[in-house]
Amino acid sequence: MVRVYSELMKALLSGKFVYTAEIEAGKTANLEGIIEKAKRLKGYVTAINITDNPGACAHMNPLIPSYVIQRDVGIETVYQLTCRDRNRLALTS
């Protein structure tokens, strides 16, 4: 038997229709707007996708808002990593 810790995975395995939303990581280090958006989505979505490099424009690393949203808002996040314009070294650092 496989243990499932992710609320998103539990919802998918149950066969229910699952809603997620996408939030851009932001161009500055200010997380207030991102947290406010996530709070408005709570109760409506199972998880929030945090985009990496949307539109090929530089943004904050999505790991930071992903962690803060899970910690402060309590919604599971999906950390997206874009491979475009990155070599193996850039992906691991």
PDB file of N, CA and C in Angstrom:
ATOM      1  N   MET A   1       0.846  -1.184   0.000  1.00  0.00           N
ATOM      2  CA  MET A   1       0.000   0.000   0.000  1.00  0.00           C
ATOM      3  C   MET A   1       0.887   1.241   0.000  1.00  0.00           C
ATOM      4  N   VAL A   2       0.546   2.186  -0.822  1.00  0.00           N
ATOM      5  CA  VAL A   2       1.308   3.424  -0.937  1.00  0.00           C
ATOM      6  C   VAL A   2       0.748   4.449   0.038  1.00  0.00           C
ATOM      7  N   ARG A   3       1.632   5.084   0.790  1.00  0.00           N
ATOM      8  CA  ARG A   3       1.207   6.159   1.683  1.00  0.00           C
ATOM      9  C   ARG A   3       1.137   7.454   0.892  1.00  0.00           C
ATOM     10  N   VAL A   4       0.048   8.158   1.051  1.00  0.00           N
ATOM     11  CA  VAL A   4      -0.141   9.412   0.334  1.00  0.00           C
ATOM     12  C   VAL A   4      -0.195  10.541   1.353  1.00  0.00           C
ATOM     13  N   TYR A   5       0.752  11.472   1.251  1.00  0.00           N
ATOM     14  CA  TYR A   5       0.824  12.591   2.179  1.00  0.00           C
ATOM     15  C   TYR A   5       0.266  13.871   1.569  1.00  0.00           C
ATOM     16  N   SER A   6       0.173  13.917   0.277  1.00  0.00           N
ATOM     17  CA  SER A   6      -0.254  15.111  -0.434  1.00  0.00           C
ATOM     18  C   SER A   6      -1.778  15.173  -0.526  1.00  0.00           C
ATOM     19  N   GLU A   7      -2.353  16.314  -0.146  1.00  0.00           N
ATOM     20  CA  GLU A   7      -3.798  16.492  -0.282  1.00  0.00           C
ATOM     21  C   GLU A   7      -4.204  16.470  -1.752  1.00  0.00           C
ATOM     22  N   LEU A   8      -3.345  16.997  -2.608  1.00  0.00           N
ATOM     23  CA  LEU A   8      -3.625  16.974  -4.042  1.00  0.00           C
ATOM     24  C   LEU A   8      -3.677  15.535  -4.550  1.00  0.00           C
ATOM     25  N   MET A   9      -2.731  14.724  -4.156  1.00  0.00           N
ATOM     26  CA  MET A   9      -2.710  13.323  -4.587  1.00  0.00           C
ATOM     27  C   MET A   9      -3.919  12.566  -4.037  1.00  0.00           C
ATOM     28  N   LYS A  10      -4.282  12.834  -2.789  1.00  0.00           N
ATOM     29  CA  LYS A  10      -5.466  12.184  -2.214  1.00  0.00           C
ATOM     30  C   LYS A  10      -6.715  12.530  -3.014  1.00  0.00           C
ATOM     31  N   ALA A  11      -6.849  13.798  -3.369  1.00  0.00           N
ATOM     32  CA  ALA A  11      -8.017  14.230  -4.139  1.00  0.00           C
ATOM     33  C   ALA A  11      -8.028  13.591  -5.523  1.00  0.00           C
ATOM     34  N   LEU A  12      -6.868  13.512  -6.157  1.00  0.00           N
ATOM     35  CA  LEU A  12      -6.790  12.897  -7.483  1.00  0.00           C
ATOM     36  C   LEU A  12      -7.117  11.407  -7.425  1.00  0.00           C
ATOM     37  N   LEU A  13      -6.603  10.728  -6.413  1.00  0.00           N
ATOM     38  CA  LEU A  13      -6.860   9.291  -6.275  1.00  0.00           C
ATOM     39  C   LEU A  13      -8.316   8.989  -5.938  1.00  0.00           C
ATOM     40  N   SER A  14      -8.998   9.937  -5.306  1.00  0.00           N
ATOM     41  CA  SER A  14     -10.401   9.721  -4.944  1.00  0.00           C
ATOM     42  C   SER A  14     -11.324   9.778  -6.153  1.00  0.00           C
ATOM     43  N   GLY A  15     -10.820  10.322  -7.261  1.00  0.00           N
ATOM     44  CA  GLY A  15     -11.642  10.419  -8.463  1.00  0.00           C
ATOM     45  C   GLY A  15     -12.453  11.698  -8.546  1.00  0.00           C
ATOM     46  N   LYS A  16     -12.337  12.552  -7.523  1.00  0.00           N
ATOM     47  CA  LYS A  16     -13.057  13.826  -7.551  1.00  0.00           C
ATOM     48  C   LYS A  16     -12.433  14.769  -8.575  1.00  0.00           C
ATOM     49  N   PHE A  17     -13.244  15.719  -9.035  1.00  0.00           N
ATOM     50  CA  PHE A  17     -12.725  16.760  -9.916  1.00  0.00           C
ATOM     51  C   PHE A  17     -11.907  17.709  -9.056  1.00  0.00           C
ATOM     52  N   VAL A  18     -10.698  18.005  -9.481  1.00  0.00           N
ATOM     53  CA  VAL A  18      -9.769  18.797  -8.671  1.00  0.00           C
ATOM     54  C   VAL A  18      -9.519  20.147  -9.334  1.00  0.00           C
ATOM     55  N   TYR A  19      -9.585  21.192  -8.528  1.00  0.00           N
ATOM     56  CA  TYR A  19      -9.275  22.539  -9.003  1.00  0.00           C
ATOM     57  C   TYR A  19      -7.933  22.978  -8.430  1.00  0.00           C
ATOM     58  N   THR A  20      -7.115  23.572  -9.284  1.00  0.00           N
ATOM     59  CA  THR A  20      -5.893  24.232  -8.836  1.00  0.00           C
ATOM     60  C   THR A  20      -5.893  25.625  -9.441  1.00  0.00           C
ATOM     61  N   ALA A  21      -5.074  26.495  -8.896  1.00  0.00           N
ATOM     62  CA  ALA A  21      -4.933  27.856  -9.419  1.00  0.00           C
ATOM     63  C   ALA A  21      -3.454  28.147  -9.588  1.00  0.00           C
ATOM     64  N   GLU A  22      -3.160  29.115 -10.427  1.00  0.00           N
ATOM     65  CA  GLU A  22      -1.768  29.469 -10.704  1.00  0.00           C
ATOM     66  C   GLU A  22      -1.504  30.891 -10.234  1.00  0.00           C
ATOM     67  N   ILE A  23      -0.403  31.067  -9.525  1.00  0.00           N
ATOM     68  CA  ILE A  23       0.037  32.386  -9.070  1.00  0.00           C
ATOM     69  C   ILE A  23       1.478  32.574  -9.509  1.00  0.00           C
ATOM     70  N   GLU A  24       1.774  33.750 -10.057  1.00  0.00           N
ATOM     71  CA  GLU A  24       3.162  34.055 -10.417  1.00  0.00           C
ATOM     72  C   GLU A  24       3.964  34.326  -9.156  1.00  0.00           C
ATOM     73  N   ALA A  25       5.229  33.979  -9.184  1.00  0.00           N
ATOM     74  CA  ALA A  25       6.087  34.131  -8.014  1.00  0.00           C
ATOM     75  C   ALA A  25       6.311  35.588  -7.639  1.00  0.00           C
ATOM     76  N   GLY A  26       6.248  36.497  -8.555  1.00  0.00           N
ATOM     77  CA  GLY A  26       6.450  37.910  -8.253  1.00  0.00           C
ATOM     78  C   GLY A  26       7.831  38.374  -8.664  1.00  0.00           C
ATOM     79  N   LYS A  27       7.916  39.656  -8.991  1.00  0.00           N
ATOM     80  CA  LYS A  27       9.182  40.217  -9.457  1.00  0.00           C
ATOM     81  C   LYS A  27       9.996  40.828  -8.326  1.00  0.00           C
ATOM     82  N   THR A  28       9.381  41.001  -7.163  1.00  0.00           N
ATOM     83  CA  THR A  28      10.091  41.566  -6.018  1.00  0.00           C
ATOM     84  C   THR A  28      10.043  40.573  -4.864  1.00  0.00           C
ATOM     85  N   ALA A  29      10.741  40.893  -3.795  1.00  0.00           N
ATOM     86  CA  ALA A  29      10.782  40.014  -2.623  1.00  0.00           C
ATOM     87  C   ALA A  29       9.576  40.208  -1.711  1.00  0.00           C
ATOM     88  N   ASN A  30       8.678  41.125  -2.045  1.00  0.00           N
ATOM     89  CA  ASN A  30       7.493  41.374  -1.230  1.00  0.00           C
ATOM     90  C   ASN A  30       6.467  40.267  -1.475  1.00  0.00           C
ATOM     91  N   LEU A  31       6.154  39.524  -0.438  1.00  0.00           N
ATOM     92  CA  LEU A  31       5.245  38.383  -0.566  1.00  0.00           C
ATOM     93  C   LEU A  31       3.810  38.689  -0.151  1.00  0.00           C
ATOM     94  N   GLU A  32       3.533  39.918   0.297  1.00  0.00           N
ATOM     95  CA  GLU A  32       2.197  40.244   0.808  1.00  0.00           C
ATOM     96  C   GLU A  32       1.104  40.023  -0.234  1.00  0.00           C
ATOM     97  N   GLY A  33       1.333  40.472  -1.466  1.00  0.00           N
ATOM     98  CA  GLY A  33       0.331  40.305  -2.519  1.00  0.00           C
ATOM     99  C   GLY A  33       0.086  38.851  -2.856  1.00  0.00           C
ATOM    100  N   ILE A  34       1.147  38.071  -2.879  1.00  0.00           N
ATOM    101  CA  ILE A  34       1.033  36.646  -3.189  1.00  0.00           C
ATOM    102  C   ILE A  34       0.262  35.924  -2.089  1.00  0.00           C
ATOM    103  N   ILE A  35       0.552  36.245  -0.846  1.00  0.00           N
ATOM    104  CA  ILE A  35      -0.145  35.617   0.277  1.00  0.00           C
ATOM    105  C   ILE A  35      -1.620  36.002   0.264  1.00  0.00           C
ATOM    106  N   GLU A  36      -1.914  37.261  -0.041  1.00  0.00           N
ATOM    107  CA  GLU A  36      -3.310  37.715  -0.110  1.00  0.00           C
ATOM    108  C   GLU A  36      -4.078  36.969  -1.201  1.00  0.00           C
ATOM    109  N   LYS A  37      -3.460  36.784  -2.359  1.00  0.00           N
ATOM    110  CA  LYS A  37      -4.101  36.019  -3.440  1.00  0.00           C
ATOM    111  C   LYS A  37      -4.376  34.586  -2.992  1.00  0.00           C
ATOM    112  N   ALA A  38      -3.408  33.986  -2.322  1.00  0.00           N
ATOM    113  CA  ALA A  38      -3.569  32.605  -1.857  1.00  0.00           C
ATOM    114  C   ALA A  38      -4.688  32.503  -0.825  1.00  0.00           C
ATOM    115  N   LYS A  39      -4.792  33.475   0.068  1.00  0.00           N
ATOM    116  CA  LYS A  39      -5.857  33.461   1.080  1.00  0.00           C
ATOM    117  C   LYS A  39      -7.232  33.531   0.431  1.00  0.00           C
ATOM    118  N   ARG A  40      -7.355  34.314  -0.649  1.00  0.00           N
ATOM    119  CA  ARG A  40      -8.635  34.418  -1.353  1.00  0.00           C
ATOM    120  C   ARG A  40      -9.017  33.099  -2.032  1.00  0.00           C
ATOM    121  N   LEU A  41      -8.029  32.296  -2.373  1.00  0.00           N
ATOM    122  CA  LEU A  41      -8.287  31.020  -3.053  1.00  0.00           C
ATOM    123  C   LEU A  41      -8.591  29.875  -2.088  1.00  0.00           C
ATOM    124  N   LYS A  42      -8.262  30.058  -0.811  1.00  0.00           N
ATOM    125  CA  LYS A  42      -8.453  28.981   0.164  1.00  0.00           C
ATOM    126  C   LYS A  42      -9.927  28.587   0.221  1.00  0.00           C
ATOM    127  N   GLY A  43     -10.163  27.305   0.158  1.00  0.00           N
ATOM    128  CA  GLY A  43     -11.520  26.786   0.160  1.00  0.00           C
ATOM    129  C   GLY A  43     -12.082  26.552  -1.232  1.00  0.00           C
ATOM    130  N   TYR A  44     -11.418  27.113  -2.237  1.00  0.00           N
ATOM    131  CA  TYR A  44     -11.877  26.951  -3.617  1.00  0.00           C
ATOM    132  C   TYR A  44     -10.987  26.015  -4.430  1.00  0.00           C
ATOM    133  N   VAL A  45      -9.731  25.882  -4.031  1.00  0.00           N
ATOM    134  CA  VAL A  45      -8.787  25.061  -4.790  1.00  0.00           C
ATOM    135  C   VAL A  45      -8.133  24.035  -3.868  1.00  0.00           C
ATOM    136  N   THR A  46      -7.676  22.953  -4.458  1.00  0.00           N
ATOM    137  CA  THR A  46      -6.959  21.923  -3.705  1.00  0.00           C
ATOM    138  C   THR A  46      -5.491  22.286  -3.563  1.00  0.00           C
ATOM    139  N   ALA A  47      -4.935  22.936  -4.588  1.00  0.00           N
ATOM    140  CA  ALA A  47      -3.518  23.308  -4.570  1.00  0.00           C
ATOM    141  C   ALA A  47      -3.317  24.562  -5.415  1.00  0.00           C
ATOM    142  N   ILE A  48      -2.186  25.205  -5.184  1.00  0.00           N
ATOM    143  CA  ILE A  48      -1.811  26.396  -5.946  1.00  0.00           C
ATOM    144  C   ILE A  48      -0.497  26.116  -6.651  1.00  0.00           C
ATOM    145  N   ASN A  49      -0.458  26.373  -7.955  1.00  0.00           N
ATOM    146  CA  ASN A  49       0.764  26.246  -8.747  1.00  0.00           C
ATOM    147  C   ASN A  49       1.513  27.571  -8.679  1.00  0.00           C
ATOM    148  N   ILE A  50       2.782  27.520  -8.342  1.00  0.00           N
ATOM    149  CA  ILE A  50       3.624  28.716  -8.331  1.00  0.00           C
ATOM    150  C   ILE A  50       4.537  28.620  -9.546  1.00  0.00           C
ATOM    151  N   THR A  51       4.346  29.531 -10.487  1.00  0.00           N
ATOM    152  CA  THR A  51       5.057  29.448 -11.763  1.00  0.00           C
ATOM    153  C   THR A  51       6.505  29.890 -11.640  1.00  0.00           C
ATOM    154  N   ASP A  52       7.320  29.311 -12.479  1.00  0.00           N
ATOM    155  CA  ASP A  52       8.741  29.635 -12.552  1.00  0.00           C
ATOM    156  C   ASP A  52       9.007  30.310 -13.889  1.00  0.00           C
ATOM    157  N   ASN A  53       9.474  31.546 -13.848  1.00  0.00           N
ATOM    158  CA  ASN A  53       9.873  32.260 -15.059  1.00  0.00           C
ATOM    159  C   ASN A  53       8.728  32.400 -16.065  1.00  0.00           C
ATOM    160  N   PRO A  54       7.543  32.885 -15.626  1.00  0.00           N
ATOM    161  CA  PRO A  54       6.423  32.998 -16.564  1.00  0.00           C
ATOM    162  C   PRO A  54       6.708  34.019 -17.656  1.00  0.00           C
ATOM    163  N   GLY A  55       6.384  33.663 -18.870  1.00  0.00           N
ATOM    164  CA  GLY A  55       6.608  34.565 -19.991  1.00  0.00           C
ATOM    165  C   GLY A  55       8.065  34.843 -20.267  1.00  0.00           C
ATOM    166  N   ALA A  56       8.945  33.975 -19.799  1.00  0.00           N
ATOM    167  CA  ALA A  56      10.397  34.125 -19.966  1.00  0.00           C
ATOM    168  C   ALA A  56      10.905  35.438 -19.390  1.00  0.00           C
ATOM    169  N   CYS A  57      10.260  35.906 -18.309  1.00  0.00           N
ATOM    170  CA  CYS A  57      10.695  37.117 -17.600  1.00  0.00           C
ATOM    171  C   CYS A  57      11.194  36.712 -16.214  1.00  0.00           C
ATOM    172  N   ALA A  58      12.218  37.379 -15.757  1.00  0.00           N
ATOM    173  CA  ALA A  58      12.803  37.046 -14.456  1.00  0.00           C
ATOM    174  C   ALA A  58      11.820  37.329 -13.322  1.00  0.00           C
ATOM    175  N   HIS A  59      11.653  36.362 -12.452  1.00  0.00           N
ATOM    176  CA  HIS A  59      10.809  36.480 -11.269  1.00  0.00           C
ATOM    177  C   HIS A  59      11.543  35.847 -10.093  1.00  0.00           C
ATOM    178  N   MET A  60      10.965  36.017  -8.908  1.00  0.00           N
ATOM    179  CA  MET A  60      11.497  35.390  -7.709  1.00  0.00           C
ATOM    180  C   MET A  60      11.476  33.866  -7.878  1.00  0.00           C
ATOM    181  N   ASN A  61      12.415  33.192  -7.257  1.00  0.00           N
ATOM    182  CA  ASN A  61      12.417  31.732  -7.254  1.00  0.00           C
ATOM    183  C   ASN A  61      11.100  31.252  -6.637  1.00  0.00           C
ATOM    184  N   PRO A  62      10.349  30.379  -7.295  1.00  0.00           N
ATOM    185  CA  PRO A  62       9.048  29.958  -6.779  1.00  0.00           C
ATOM    186  C   PRO A  62       9.108  29.121  -5.504  1.00  0.00           C
ATOM    187  N   LEU A  63      10.278  28.669  -5.115  1.00  0.00           N
ATOM    188  CA  LEU A  63      10.394  27.892  -3.886  1.00  0.00           C
ATOM    189  C   LEU A  63      10.014  28.728  -2.661  1.00  0.00           C
ATOM    190  N   ILE A  64      10.376  29.997  -2.663  1.00  0.00           N
ATOM    191  CA  ILE A  64      10.107  30.867  -1.512  1.00  0.00           C
ATOM    192  C   ILE A  64       8.608  31.078  -1.313  1.00  0.00           C
ATOM    193  N   PRO A  65       7.871  31.580  -2.317  1.00  0.00           N
ATOM    194  CA  PRO A  65       6.427  31.730  -2.095  1.00  0.00           C
ATOM    195  C   PRO A  65       5.711  30.393  -1.896  1.00  0.00           C
ATOM    196  N   SER A  66       6.209  29.318  -2.479  1.00  0.00           N
ATOM    197  CA  SER A  66       5.603  28.000  -2.259  1.00  0.00           C
ATOM    198  C   SER A  66       5.651  27.636  -0.781  1.00  0.00           C
ATOM    199  N   TYR A  67       6.806  27.818  -0.177  1.00  0.00           N
ATOM    200  CA  TYR A  67       6.969  27.504   1.244  1.00  0.00           C
ATOM    201  C   TYR A  67       6.099  28.407   2.116  1.00  0.00           C
ATOM    202  N   VAL A  68       6.130  29.708   1.840  1.00  0.00           N
ATOM    203  CA  VAL A  68       5.400  30.672   2.671  1.00  0.00           C
ATOM    204  C   VAL A  68       3.890  30.442   2.573  1.00  0.00           C
ATOM    205  N   ILE A  69       3.378  30.148   1.395  1.00  0.00           N
ATOM    206  CA  ILE A  69       1.941  29.884   1.245  1.00  0.00           C
ATOM    207  C   ILE A  69       1.548  28.638   2.029  1.00  0.00           C
ATOM    208  N   GLN A  70       2.321  27.574   1.935  1.00  0.00           N
ATOM    209  CA  GLN A  70       2.007  26.359   2.695  1.00  0.00           C
ATOM    210  C   GLN A  70       2.067  26.617   4.192  1.00  0.00           C
ATOM    211  N   ARG A  71       3.066  27.370   4.626  1.00  0.00           N
ATOM    212  CA  ARG A  71       3.237  27.638   6.056  1.00  0.00           C
ATOM    213  C   ARG A  71       2.173  28.587   6.599  1.00  0.00           C
ATOM    214  N   ASP A  72       1.917  29.688   5.899  1.00  0.00           N
ATOM    215  CA  ASP A  72       1.055  30.743   6.432  1.00  0.00           C
ATOM    216  C   ASP A  72      -0.415  30.606   6.047  1.00  0.00           C
ATOM    217  N   VAL A  73      -0.693  30.039   4.888  1.00  0.00           N
ATOM    218  CA  VAL A  73      -2.072  29.958   4.405  1.00  0.00           C
ATOM    219  C   VAL A  73      -2.643  28.554   4.577  1.00  0.00           C
ATOM    220  N   GLY A  74      -1.788  27.543   4.490  1.00  0.00           N
ATOM    221  CA  GLY A  74      -2.244  26.172   4.682  1.00  0.00           C
ATOM    222  C   GLY A  74      -2.793  25.513   3.432  1.00  0.00           C
ATOM    223  N   ILE A  75      -2.384  26.008   2.269  1.00  0.00           N
ATOM    224  CA  ILE A  75      -2.775  25.388   1.004  1.00  0.00           C
ATOM    225  C   ILE A  75      -1.540  24.730   0.409  1.00  0.00           C
ATOM    226  N   GLU A  76      -1.713  23.514  -0.076  1.00  0.00           N
ATOM    227  CA  GLU A  76      -0.603  22.820  -0.724  1.00  0.00           C
ATOM    228  C   GLU A  76      -0.202  23.558  -1.995  1.00  0.00           C
ATOM    229  N   THR A  77       1.090  23.599  -2.267  1.00  0.00           N
ATOM    230  CA  THR A  77       1.577  24.259  -3.475  1.00  0.00           C
ATOM    231  C   THR A  77       2.292  23.265  -4.379  1.00  0.00           C
ATOM    232  N   VAL A  78       2.271  23.586  -5.665  1.00  0.00           N
ATOM    233  CA  VAL A  78       2.992  22.808  -6.668  1.00  0.00           C
ATOM    234  C   VAL A  78       4.105  23.707  -7.179  1.00  0.00           C
ATOM    235  N   TYR A  79       5.324  23.350  -6.850  1.00  0.00           N
ATOM    236  CA  TYR A  79       6.505  24.114  -7.258  1.00  0.00           C
ATOM    237  C   TYR A  79       6.829  23.766  -8.700  1.00  0.00           C
ATOM    238  N   GLN A  80       6.770  24.758  -9.579  1.00  0.00           N
ATOM    239  CA  GLN A  80       7.067  24.516 -10.991  1.00  0.00           C
ATOM    240  C   GLN A  80       8.496  24.942 -11.293  1.00  0.00           C
ATOM    241  N   LEU A  81       9.201  24.112 -12.016  1.00  0.00           N
ATOM    242  CA  LEU A  81      10.576  24.399 -12.414  1.00  0.00           C
ATOM    243  C   LEU A  81      10.660  24.345 -13.930  1.00  0.00           C
ATOM    244  N   THR A  82      11.015  25.470 -14.542  1.00  0.00           N
ATOM    245  CA  THR A  82      11.129  25.553 -15.992  1.00  0.00           C
ATOM    246  C   THR A  82      12.551  25.228 -16.410  1.00  0.00           C
ATOM    247  N   CYS A  83      12.687  24.355 -17.373  1.00  0.00           N
ATOM    248  CA  CYS A  83      14.012  23.947 -17.842  1.00  0.00           C
ATOM    249  C   CYS A  83      14.538  24.839 -18.963  1.00  0.00           C
ATOM    250  N   ARG A  84      13.691  25.681 -19.514  1.00  0.00           N
ATOM    251  CA  ARG A  84      14.094  26.545 -20.621  1.00  0.00           C
ATOM    252  C   ARG A  84      15.269  27.434 -20.205  1.00  0.00           C
ATOM    253  N   ASP A  85      16.241  27.537 -21.067  1.00  0.00           N
ATOM    254  CA  ASP A  85      17.419  28.391 -20.883  1.00  0.00           C
ATOM    255  C   ASP A  85      18.252  28.010 -19.660  1.00  0.00           C
ATOM    256  N   ARG A  86      18.157  26.770 -19.204  1.00  0.00           N
ATOM    257  CA  ARG A  86      18.954  26.325 -18.058  1.00  0.00           C
ATOM    258  C   ARG A  86      19.664  25.027 -18.419  1.00  0.00           C
ATOM    259  N   ASN A  87      20.928  24.957 -18.048  1.00  0.00           N
ATOM    260  CA  ASN A  87      21.646  23.700 -18.238  1.00  0.00           C
ATOM    261  C   ASN A  87      21.518  22.864 -16.961  1.00  0.00           C
ATOM    262  N   ARG A  88      22.139  21.718 -16.926  1.00  0.00           N
ATOM    263  CA  ARG A  88      22.040  20.835 -15.764  1.00  0.00           C
ATOM    264  C   ARG A  88      22.545  21.495 -14.485  1.00  0.00           C
ATOM    265  N   LEU A  89      23.618  22.239 -14.600  1.00  0.00           N
ATOM    266  CA  LEU A  89      24.169  22.918 -13.427  1.00  0.00           C
ATOM    267  C   LEU A  89      23.177  23.944 -12.884  1.00  0.00           C
ATOM    268  N   ALA A  90      22.562  24.713 -13.755  1.00  0.00           N
ATOM    269  CA  ALA A  90      21.591  25.724 -13.323  1.00  0.00           C
ATOM    270  C   ALA A  90      20.368  25.080 -12.674  1.00  0.00           C
ATOM    271  N   LEU A  91      19.969  23.918 -13.133  1.00  0.00           N
ATOM    272  CA  LEU A  91      18.812  23.243 -12.560  1.00  0.00           C
ATOM    273  C   LEU A  91      19.094  22.678 -11.175  1.00  0.00           C
ATOM    274  N   THR A  92      20.336  22.332 -10.898  1.00  0.00           N
ATOM    275  CA  THR A  92      20.666  21.744  -9.599  1.00  0.00           C
ATOM    276  C   THR A  92      21.134  22.766  -8.578  1.00  0.00           C
ATOM    277  N   SER A  93      21.396  23.981  -8.997  1.00  0.00           N
ATOM    278  CA  SER A  93      21.892  24.985  -8.032  1.00  0.00           C
ATOM    279  C   SER A  93      20.792  25.879  -7.531  1.00  0.00           C
TER     280      SER A  93
END
